[in-house]
Amino acid sequence: MSDPLAAARRLAQKLATERVDVNEVEKILAYARRVRDVGKMRQMIRRLATQNVIIYSKKTKQYAQAIQRIVEPQLPEEPNAALHLLGWTVRLMRYERARSQQKRGRRR
């Protein structure tokens, strides 16, 4: 991955377009910090998207499926690089959400 920050920005934009809740991505980041194993991260993402584990609503499953489709293919194999990517993705998602809320507030 040549520019990790640009990759995180693209992921954040795609996830925002899919209306993925940033908290769901943050949960994956928290798990990634604990295990520090990209294989286990991928396995957990797949499991959340395909099985009915830790599903609180239909939206949660849709978020998990979008995360699998968008994030999993972009995860670097190196654990620190994956954590870096996920961390910046979460930060940028929060930034974009605040920015769009601010824009909506100005229109009213």
Protein backbone atom coordinates (compact mmCIF):
# COMPACT_ATOMS: atom_id res chain seq x y z
CA MET A 1 0.00 0.00 0.00
CA SER A 2 1.76 3.12 -1.20
CA ASP A 3 -0.08 5.81 0.79
CA PRO A 4 -1.82 4.45 3.90
CA LEU A 5 -3.55 7.74 4.68
CA ALA A 6 -5.03 7.97 1.18
CA ALA A 7 -6.17 4.35 1.49
CA ALA A 8 -7.82 5.12 4.84
CA ARG A 9 -9.54 8.15 3.29
CA ARG A 10 -10.91 6.01 0.45
CA LEU A 11 -12.16 3.38 2.91
CA ALA A 12 -13.77 6.03 5.11
CA GLN A 13 -15.54 7.56 2.11
CA LYS A 14 -16.78 4.19 0.85
CA LEU A 15 -18.01 3.20 4.30
CA ALA A 16 -19.74 6.56 4.71
CA THR A 17 -21.40 6.12 1.31
CA GLU A 18 -22.72 2.76 2.53
CA ARG A 19 -23.86 4.48 5.74
CA VAL A 20 -21.83 2.13 7.93
CA ASP A 21 -21.90 3.08 11.60
CA VAL A 22 -18.39 4.16 12.62
CA ASN A 23 -18.87 2.36 15.95
CA GLU A 24 -19.01 -0.97 14.12
CA VAL A 25 -15.65 -0.27 12.46
CA GLU A 26 -14.29 0.85 15.81
CA LYS A 27 -15.27 -2.51 17.35
CA ILE A 28 -13.20 -4.26 14.71
CA LEU A 29 -10.31 -1.91 15.47
CA ALA A 30 -10.59 -2.76 19.18
CA TYR A 31 -10.49 -6.48 18.37
CA ALA A 32 -7.54 -5.92 16.03
CA ARG A 33 -5.62 -4.15 18.80
CA ARG A 34 -6.19 -7.11 21.10
CA VAL A 35 -5.25 -9.93 18.76
CA ARG A 36 -2.66 -8.21 16.51
CA ASP A 37 -3.19 -10.95 13.93
CA VAL A 38 -4.52 -10.04 10.47
CA GLY A 39 -5.73 -13.59 9.82
CA LYS A 40 -7.88 -13.47 12.95
CA MET A 41 -9.13 -9.99 12.00
CA ARG A 42 -10.23 -11.26 8.59
CA GLN A 43 -11.84 -14.31 10.16
CA MET A 44 -13.80 -12.17 12.60
CA ILE A 45 -14.96 -9.79 9.84
CA ARG A 46 -16.16 -12.75 7.74
CA ARG A 47 -17.87 -14.34 10.71
CA LEU A 48 -19.76 -11.16 11.59
CA ALA A 49 -20.88 -10.75 7.98
CA THR A 50 -22.06 -14.33 7.47
CA GLN A 51 -23.16 -15.68 10.83
CA ASN A 52 -25.68 -14.49 13.37
CA VAL A 53 -23.16 -13.76 16.10
CA ILE A 54 -23.37 -10.52 18.04
CA ILE A 55 -26.13 -9.21 15.81
CA TYR A 56 -28.33 -6.62 17.47
CA SER A 57 -30.35 -5.61 14.43
CA LYS A 58 -30.61 -6.09 10.67
CA LYS A 59 -28.51 -2.95 10.27
CA THR A 60 -25.66 -4.48 12.27
CA LYS A 61 -25.50 -7.38 9.82
CA GLN A 62 -25.63 -4.97 6.86
CA TYR A 63 -22.79 -2.95 8.38
CA ALA A 64 -20.75 -6.14 8.84
CA GLN A 65 -21.36 -7.16 5.24
CA ALA A 66 -20.30 -3.73 3.97
CA ILE A 67 -17.18 -3.85 6.15
CA GLN A 68 -16.33 -7.26 4.76
CA ARG A 69 -16.82 -6.09 1.19
CA ILE A 70 -14.96 -2.78 1.58
CA VAL A 71 -12.36 -3.18 4.35
CA GLU A 72 -11.28 -6.82 4.33
CA PRO A 73 -9.75 -6.81 0.82
CA GLN A 74 -7.72 -3.70 1.71
CA LEU A 75 -6.24 -4.99 4.98
CA PRO A 76 -2.46 -5.25 4.77
CA GLU A 77 -0.90 -8.52 5.94
CA GLU A 78 1.35 -6.76 8.46
CA PRO A 79 -0.53 -6.26 11.77
CA ASN A 80 0.81 -2.77 12.53
CA ALA A 81 -0.06 -1.58 9.02
CA ALA A 82 -3.58 -3.04 9.40
CA LEU A 83 -4.01 -1.27 12.75
CA HIS A 84 -2.74 1.98 11.24
CA LEU A 85 -5.20 1.68 8.35
CA LEU A 86 -8.17 0.87 10.59
CA GLY A 87 -7.29 3.58 13.09
CA TRP A 88 -7.11 6.28 10.43
CA THR A 89 -10.25 4.96 8.75
CA VAL A 90 -12.19 5.37 12.02
CA ARG A 91 -10.79 8.86 12.60
CA LEU A 92 -11.63 9.96 9.07
CA MET A 93 -15.13 8.48 9.28
CA ARG A 94 -15.75 10.54 12.43
CA TYR A 95 -14.34 13.63 10.75
CA GLU A 96 -16.52 13.17 7.66
CA ARG A 97 -19.62 12.58 9.78
CA ALA A 98 -18.99 15.77 11.78
CA ARG A 99 -18.32 17.72 8.60
CA SER A 100 -21.53 16.53 6.92
CA GLN A 101 -23.56 17.30 10.06
CA GLN A 102 -22.04 20.76 10.10
CA LYS A 103 -22.99 21.29 6.45
CA ARG A 104 -26.56 20.18 7.12
CA GLY A 105 -26.76 22.61 10.03
CA ARG A 106 -25.75 25.51 7.80
CA ARG A 107 -28.46 24.76 5.23
CA ARG A 108 -31.29 25.16 7.71
